[in-house]
Amino acid sequence: MAQKKRPVKSNKETVPLEPVFIKRSLSKSIVPYSGTMEFGYLET
């Protein structure tokens, strides 16, 4: 898995979506992945 944690430098759009994404990952028994939303979505 790519080691991309909090790509706030170039992905400012993921900042507001991070909390929702993290909560979603936790409810799906997935590690809090602050990487690309698409990557996490595919894991779900």
N, C-alpha and C. Protein backbone atom coordinates (compact mmCIF):
# COMPACT_ATOMS: atom_id res chain seq x y z
N MET A 1 0.84 -1.21 0.00
CA MET A 1 0.00 0.00 0.00
C MET A 1 0.87 1.25 0.00
N ALA A 2 0.44 2.22 -0.73
CA ALA A 2 1.21 3.47 -0.81
C ALA A 2 1.22 4.16 0.55
N GLN A 3 2.36 4.68 0.92
CA GLN A 3 2.47 5.35 2.22
C GLN A 3 2.18 6.83 2.07
N LYS A 4 0.92 7.15 1.72
CA LYS A 4 0.55 8.56 1.55
C LYS A 4 -0.38 8.96 2.68
N LYS A 5 0.17 9.65 3.66
CA LYS A 5 -0.66 10.04 4.81
C LYS A 5 -0.85 11.55 4.82
N ARG A 6 -2.09 11.96 4.71
CA ARG A 6 -2.45 13.38 4.72
C ARG A 6 -1.76 14.16 3.60
N PRO A 7 -2.15 13.91 2.36
CA PRO A 7 -1.58 14.65 1.24
C PRO A 7 -2.19 16.04 1.13
N VAL A 8 -2.00 16.83 2.21
CA VAL A 8 -2.61 18.17 2.24
C VAL A 8 -1.82 19.12 1.35
N LYS A 9 -0.57 18.78 1.11
CA LYS A 9 0.28 19.67 0.29
C LYS A 9 -0.33 19.89 -1.10
N SER A 10 -0.69 18.82 -1.76
CA SER A 10 -1.21 18.96 -3.12
C SER A 10 -2.70 18.61 -3.20
N ASN A 11 -3.22 17.99 -2.15
CA ASN A 11 -4.64 17.63 -2.17
C ASN A 11 -5.40 18.41 -1.09
N LYS A 12 -5.71 19.66 -1.40
CA LYS A 12 -6.43 20.47 -0.42
C LYS A 12 -7.91 20.12 -0.42
N GLU A 13 -8.36 19.46 -1.47
CA GLU A 13 -9.78 19.09 -1.55
C GLU A 13 -10.09 17.92 -0.61
N THR A 14 -9.06 17.16 -0.28
CA THR A 14 -9.28 16.00 0.60
C THR A 14 -9.39 16.42 2.06
N VAL A 15 -8.97 17.63 2.38
CA VAL A 15 -8.99 18.08 3.77
C VAL A 15 -10.40 18.05 4.36
N PRO A 16 -11.38 18.71 3.72
CA PRO A 16 -12.74 18.72 4.26
C PRO A 16 -13.41 17.34 4.21
N LEU A 17 -12.93 16.48 3.33
CA LEU A 17 -13.53 15.15 3.19
C LEU A 17 -12.80 14.12 4.05
N GLU A 18 -11.70 14.54 4.67
CA GLU A 18 -10.92 13.59 5.47
C GLU A 18 -11.72 13.03 6.66
N PRO A 19 -12.32 13.91 7.50
CA PRO A 19 -13.06 13.42 8.67
C PRO A 19 -14.15 12.42 8.31
N VAL A 20 -14.90 12.72 7.27
CA VAL A 20 -15.98 11.82 6.85
C VAL A 20 -15.40 10.51 6.36
N PHE A 21 -14.32 10.61 5.60
CA PHE A 21 -13.70 9.40 5.05
C PHE A 21 -13.14 8.52 6.17
N ILE A 22 -12.48 9.16 7.14
CA ILE A 22 -11.90 8.41 8.26
C ILE A 22 -13.01 7.70 9.03
N LYS A 23 -14.10 8.43 9.31
CA LYS A 23 -15.21 7.81 10.06
C LYS A 23 -15.75 6.62 9.29
N ARG A 24 -15.85 6.77 7.98
CA ARG A 24 -16.38 5.69 7.14
C ARG A 24 -15.43 4.49 7.21
N SER A 25 -14.14 4.74 7.15
CA SER A 25 -13.17 3.65 7.18
C SER A 25 -13.26 2.90 8.51
N LEU A 26 -13.42 3.66 9.60
CA LEU A 26 -13.47 3.04 10.91
C LEU A 26 -14.71 2.14 11.03
N SER A 27 -15.80 2.60 10.50
CA SER A 27 -17.03 1.79 10.60
C SER A 27 -16.93 0.55 9.72
N LYS A 28 -16.05 0.58 8.74
CA LYS A 28 -15.88 -0.58 7.85
C LYS A 28 -14.70 -1.44 8.31
N SER A 29 -14.26 -1.24 9.54
CA SER A 29 -13.12 -1.97 10.10
C SER A 29 -11.89 -1.79 9.23
N ILE A 30 -11.68 -0.57 8.78
CA ILE A 30 -10.49 -0.31 7.95
C ILE A 30 -9.60 0.70 8.69
N VAL A 31 -8.31 0.56 8.53
CA VAL A 31 -7.39 1.46 9.19
C VAL A 31 -7.64 2.90 8.73
N PRO A 32 -7.62 3.87 9.66
CA PRO A 32 -7.84 5.27 9.28
C PRO A 32 -6.86 5.71 8.20
N TYR A 33 -7.26 5.61 6.96
CA TYR A 33 -6.37 5.95 5.85
C TYR A 33 -6.65 7.35 5.36
N SER A 34 -5.71 8.25 5.58
CA SER A 34 -5.90 9.63 5.15
C SER A 34 -5.32 9.85 3.76
N GLY A 35 -5.28 8.79 2.99
CA GLY A 35 -4.74 8.90 1.64
C GLY A 35 -5.82 9.31 0.65
N THR A 36 -5.71 8.83 -0.57
CA THR A 36 -6.69 9.21 -1.59
C THR A 36 -8.03 8.55 -1.29
N MET A 37 -9.09 9.32 -1.41
CA MET A 37 -10.42 8.79 -1.12
C MET A 37 -10.74 7.62 -2.06
N GLU A 38 -10.35 7.74 -3.31
CA GLU A 38 -10.65 6.69 -4.29
C GLU A 38 -10.02 5.36 -3.85
N PHE A 39 -8.79 5.44 -3.37
CA PHE A 39 -8.09 4.23 -2.96
C PHE A 39 -8.84 3.56 -1.81
N GLY A 40 -9.24 4.37 -0.83
CA GLY A 40 -9.97 3.83 0.31
C GLY A 40 -11.32 3.30 -0.11
N TYR A 41 -11.94 3.98 -1.04
CA TYR A 41 -13.26 3.55 -1.49
C TYR A 41 -13.19 2.18 -2.13
N LEU A 42 -12.13 1.94 -2.89
CA LEU A 42 -11.97 0.65 -3.55
C LEU A 42 -11.77 -0.45 -2.51
N GLU A 43 -11.12 -0.10 -1.41
CA GLU A 43 -10.88 -1.08 -0.35
C GLU A 43 -12.20 -1.48 0.28
N THR A 44 -13.15 -0.55 0.35
CA THR A 44 -14.46 -0.86 0.92
C THR A 44 -15.16 -1.78 -0.05
